[in-house]
Amino acid sequence: MNIHRILAELRAERSRIDEAIAAITALDSTSHGRGRPPRAAAIPRRRGRMSAAARRKLSRLLKRRWAQGKMKPRAKAR
């Protein structure tokens, strides 16, 4: 087993991998900063959960608005 030959092959492979990484990094860095970012990246979406108490409170408020006539009924779809 020739250790020097194995080390030389591993170093050559490492240099090829380093070159590939550098090339891919260069491709990736040129794509940033141009144009508008995708919508998902521009606005992080949070989906909060409404607690049971908040649902009850909202229900009471909406029922009160309906009773006062401030909300108009929706037109029925035909």
N, C-alpha and C. Protein backbone atom coordinates (compact mmCIF):
# COMPACT_ATOMS: atom_id res chain seq x y z
N MET A 1 0.85 -1.17 0.00
CA MET A 1 0.00 0.00 0.00
C MET A 1 0.90 1.25 0.00
N ASN A 2 0.75 2.05 -1.02
CA ASN A 2 1.58 3.23 -1.15
C ASN A 2 0.81 4.44 -0.60
N ILE A 3 1.17 4.87 0.59
CA ILE A 3 0.45 5.96 1.27
C ILE A 3 0.65 7.28 0.54
N HIS A 4 1.82 7.49 -0.01
CA HIS A 4 2.09 8.75 -0.71
C HIS A 4 1.20 8.90 -1.95
N ARG A 5 1.00 7.80 -2.66
CA ARG A 5 0.13 7.85 -3.84
C ARG A 5 -1.32 8.12 -3.43
N ILE A 6 -1.76 7.48 -2.37
CA ILE A 6 -3.14 7.69 -1.89
C ILE A 6 -3.34 9.14 -1.46
N LEU A 7 -2.36 9.70 -0.73
CA LEU A 7 -2.45 11.10 -0.31
C LEU A 7 -2.49 12.04 -1.51
N ALA A 8 -1.69 11.75 -2.53
CA ALA A 8 -1.68 12.59 -3.73
C ALA A 8 -3.04 12.55 -4.43
N GLU A 9 -3.63 11.37 -4.53
CA GLU A 9 -4.95 11.24 -5.15
C GLU A 9 -6.03 11.98 -4.35
N LEU A 10 -5.95 11.85 -3.03
CA LEU A 10 -6.93 12.55 -2.19
C LEU A 10 -6.79 14.06 -2.30
N ARG A 11 -5.57 14.56 -2.36
CA ARG A 11 -5.35 16.00 -2.51
C ARG A 11 -5.86 16.49 -3.86
N ALA A 12 -5.65 15.69 -4.91
CA ALA A 12 -6.15 16.07 -6.23
C ALA A 12 -7.69 16.11 -6.23
N GLU A 13 -8.28 15.12 -5.58
CA GLU A 13 -9.74 15.09 -5.50
C GLU A 13 -10.26 16.28 -4.70
N ARG A 14 -9.54 16.62 -3.64
CA ARG A 14 -9.95 17.77 -2.82
C ARG A 14 -9.88 19.06 -3.64
N SER A 15 -8.86 19.21 -4.46
CA SER A 15 -8.75 20.42 -5.27
C SER A 15 -9.88 20.48 -6.30
N ARG A 16 -10.26 19.33 -6.88
CA ARG A 16 -11.39 19.32 -7.82
C ARG A 16 -12.69 19.70 -7.12
N ILE A 17 -12.88 19.19 -5.91
CA ILE A 17 -14.09 19.52 -5.14
C ILE A 17 -14.11 21.00 -4.79
N ASP A 18 -12.95 21.56 -4.38
CA ASP A 18 -12.87 22.99 -4.06
C ASP A 18 -13.21 23.85 -5.28
N GLU A 19 -12.73 23.45 -6.46
CA GLU A 19 -13.04 24.19 -7.68
C GLU A 19 -14.53 24.12 -8.00
N ALA A 20 -15.13 22.95 -7.80
CA ALA A 20 -16.57 22.81 -8.06
C ALA A 20 -17.37 23.66 -7.09
N ILE A 21 -16.97 23.68 -5.83
CA ILE A 21 -17.66 24.50 -4.84
C ILE A 21 -17.55 25.98 -5.20
N ALA A 22 -16.37 26.42 -5.62
CA ALA A 22 -16.18 27.82 -6.01
C ALA A 22 -17.04 28.18 -7.21
N ALA A 23 -17.14 27.27 -8.18
CA ALA A 23 -17.95 27.55 -9.37
C ALA A 23 -19.43 27.65 -9.01
N ILE A 24 -19.90 26.75 -8.17
CA ILE A 24 -21.31 26.77 -7.78
C ILE A 24 -21.62 28.00 -6.94
N THR A 25 -20.69 28.39 -6.06
CA THR A 25 -20.88 29.57 -5.24
C THR A 25 -20.95 30.82 -6.13
N ALA A 26 -20.12 30.87 -7.16
CA ALA A 26 -20.14 32.02 -8.07
C ALA A 26 -21.47 32.09 -8.81
N LEU A 27 -22.01 30.95 -9.22
CA LEU A 27 -23.30 30.94 -9.90
C LEU A 27 -24.41 31.41 -8.97
N ASP A 28 -24.36 30.96 -7.73
CA ASP A 28 -25.40 31.30 -6.75
C ASP A 28 -25.34 32.77 -6.39
N SER A 29 -24.16 33.35 -6.27
CA SER A 29 -24.05 34.75 -5.85
C SER A 29 -24.51 35.70 -6.94
N THR A 30 -24.48 35.30 -8.21
CA THR A 30 -24.92 36.20 -9.27
C THR A 30 -26.43 36.26 -9.37
N SER A 31 -27.13 35.27 -8.82
CA SER A 31 -28.58 35.26 -8.96
C SER A 31 -29.27 36.12 -7.92
N HIS A 32 -28.59 36.52 -6.86
CA HIS A 32 -29.23 37.32 -5.82
C HIS A 32 -29.17 38.80 -6.16
N GLY A 33 -30.17 39.51 -5.73
CA GLY A 33 -30.16 40.96 -5.86
C GLY A 33 -30.76 41.48 -7.15
N ARG A 34 -31.24 40.63 -8.01
CA ARG A 34 -31.83 41.11 -9.26
C ARG A 34 -33.31 40.83 -9.25
N GLY A 35 -34.08 41.83 -9.59
CA GLY A 35 -35.51 41.63 -9.69
C GLY A 35 -36.20 41.57 -8.33
N ARG A 36 -37.45 41.30 -8.40
CA ARG A 36 -38.27 41.25 -7.20
C ARG A 36 -38.18 39.86 -6.57
N PRO A 37 -38.05 39.80 -5.24
CA PRO A 37 -37.99 38.48 -4.62
C PRO A 37 -39.34 37.78 -4.70
N PRO A 38 -39.36 36.46 -4.62
CA PRO A 38 -40.63 35.75 -4.65
C PRO A 38 -41.51 36.18 -3.48
N ARG A 39 -42.81 36.06 -3.66
CA ARG A 39 -43.76 36.53 -2.65
C ARG A 39 -43.55 35.83 -1.31
N ALA A 40 -43.25 34.55 -1.33
CA ALA A 40 -43.05 33.81 -0.08
C ALA A 40 -41.85 34.35 0.68
N ALA A 41 -40.83 34.79 -0.03
CA ALA A 41 -39.65 35.31 0.64
C ALA A 41 -39.86 36.74 1.10
N ALA A 42 -40.70 37.49 0.39
CA ALA A 42 -40.90 38.90 0.72
C ALA A 42 -41.75 39.07 1.97
N ILE A 43 -42.78 38.26 2.14
CA ILE A 43 -43.70 38.41 3.25
C ILE A 43 -43.79 37.10 4.01
N PRO A 44 -43.21 37.06 5.21
CA PRO A 44 -43.37 35.83 5.98
C PRO A 44 -44.81 35.69 6.47
N ARG A 45 -45.41 34.55 6.25
CA ARG A 45 -46.80 34.35 6.62
C ARG A 45 -46.87 33.68 7.98
N ARG A 46 -47.70 34.24 8.83
CA ARG A 46 -47.92 33.65 10.14
C ARG A 46 -49.38 33.29 10.24
N ARG A 47 -49.63 32.11 10.68
CA ARG A 47 -51.00 31.66 10.85
C ARG A 47 -51.25 31.47 12.34
N GLY A 48 -51.86 32.48 12.92
CA GLY A 48 -52.13 32.40 14.34
C GLY A 48 -53.43 31.65 14.60
N ARG A 49 -53.50 31.08 15.73
CA ARG A 49 -54.71 30.36 16.12
C ARG A 49 -55.51 31.25 17.05
N MET A 50 -56.79 31.28 16.85
CA MET A 50 -57.65 32.08 17.69
C MET A 50 -58.11 31.23 18.87
N SER A 51 -57.99 31.82 20.04
CA SER A 51 -58.39 31.07 21.23
C SER A 51 -59.92 30.99 21.29
N ALA A 52 -60.40 30.10 22.13
CA ALA A 52 -61.85 29.92 22.28
C ALA A 52 -62.47 31.20 22.82
N ALA A 53 -61.81 31.86 23.75
CA ALA A 53 -62.35 33.11 24.31
C ALA A 53 -62.43 34.19 23.23
N ALA A 54 -61.43 34.26 22.38
CA ALA A 54 -61.44 35.26 21.31
C ALA A 54 -62.55 34.96 20.30
N ARG A 55 -62.78 33.68 20.00
CA ARG A 55 -63.88 33.33 19.09
C ARG A 55 -65.22 33.72 19.67
N ARG A 56 -65.42 33.48 20.97
CA ARG A 56 -66.68 33.86 21.61
C ARG A 56 -66.87 35.37 21.58
N LYS A 57 -65.81 36.11 21.87
CA LYS A 57 -65.89 37.57 21.87
C LYS A 57 -66.22 38.09 20.47
N LEU A 58 -65.57 37.55 19.46
CA LEU A 58 -65.83 37.97 18.08
C LEU A 58 -67.25 37.61 17.68
N SER A 59 -67.72 36.45 18.09
CA SER A 59 -69.08 36.04 17.78
C SER A 59 -70.09 37.01 18.39
N ARG A 60 -69.87 37.38 19.65
CA ARG A 60 -70.78 38.33 20.29
C ARG A 60 -70.77 39.68 19.59
N LEU A 61 -69.58 40.14 19.20
CA LEU A 61 -69.50 41.44 18.53
C LEU A 61 -70.20 41.42 17.17
N LEU A 62 -70.01 40.34 16.42
CA LEU A 62 -70.66 40.25 15.11
C LEU A 62 -72.18 40.13 15.24
N LYS A 63 -72.64 39.38 16.23
CA LYS A 63 -74.09 39.28 16.45
C LYS A 63 -74.67 40.63 16.81
N ARG A 64 -73.94 41.41 17.61
CA ARG A 64 -74.40 42.75 17.98
C ARG A 64 -74.48 43.65 16.74
N ARG A 65 -73.48 43.55 15.86
CA ARG A 65 -73.51 44.36 14.63
C ARG A 65 -74.70 43.99 13.75
N TRP A 66 -74.97 42.69 13.63
CA TRP A 66 -76.11 42.26 12.84
C TRP A 66 -77.40 42.81 13.44
N ALA A 67 -77.49 42.75 14.76
CA ALA A 67 -78.71 43.22 15.43
C ALA A 67 -78.90 44.72 15.24
N GLN A 68 -77.85 45.48 15.20
CA GLN A 68 -77.96 46.92 15.01
C GLN A 68 -78.18 47.30 13.55
N GLY A 69 -78.05 46.35 12.65
CA GLY A 69 -78.29 46.61 11.24
C GLY A 69 -77.11 47.24 10.53
N LYS A 70 -75.94 47.17 11.12
CA LYS A 70 -74.76 47.78 10.49
C LYS A 70 -74.18 46.91 9.39
N MET A 71 -74.49 45.64 9.42
CA MET A 71 -73.97 44.74 8.39
C MET A 71 -75.11 44.38 7.44
N LYS A 72 -74.79 44.42 6.15
CA LYS A 72 -75.78 44.08 5.15
C LYS A 72 -75.69 42.61 4.83
N PRO A 73 -76.80 41.94 4.61
CA PRO A 73 -76.71 40.53 4.24
C PRO A 73 -76.10 40.40 2.85
N ARG A 74 -75.41 39.30 2.65
CA ARG A 74 -74.80 39.03 1.35
C ARG A 74 -75.87 38.73 0.31
N ALA A 75 -75.57 39.12 -0.94
CA ALA A 75 -76.46 38.75 -2.02
C ALA A 75 -76.29 37.27 -2.32
N LYS A 76 -77.36 36.58 -2.52
CA LYS A 76 -77.29 35.14 -2.77
C LYS A 76 -76.79 34.88 -4.17
N ALA A 77 -75.94 33.89 -4.31
CA ALA A 77 -75.41 33.52 -5.62
C ALA A 77 -76.48 32.76 -6.38
N ARG A 78 -76.55 33.03 -7.66
CA ARG A 78 -77.57 32.39 -8.49
C ARG A 78 -76.98 31.29 -9.31
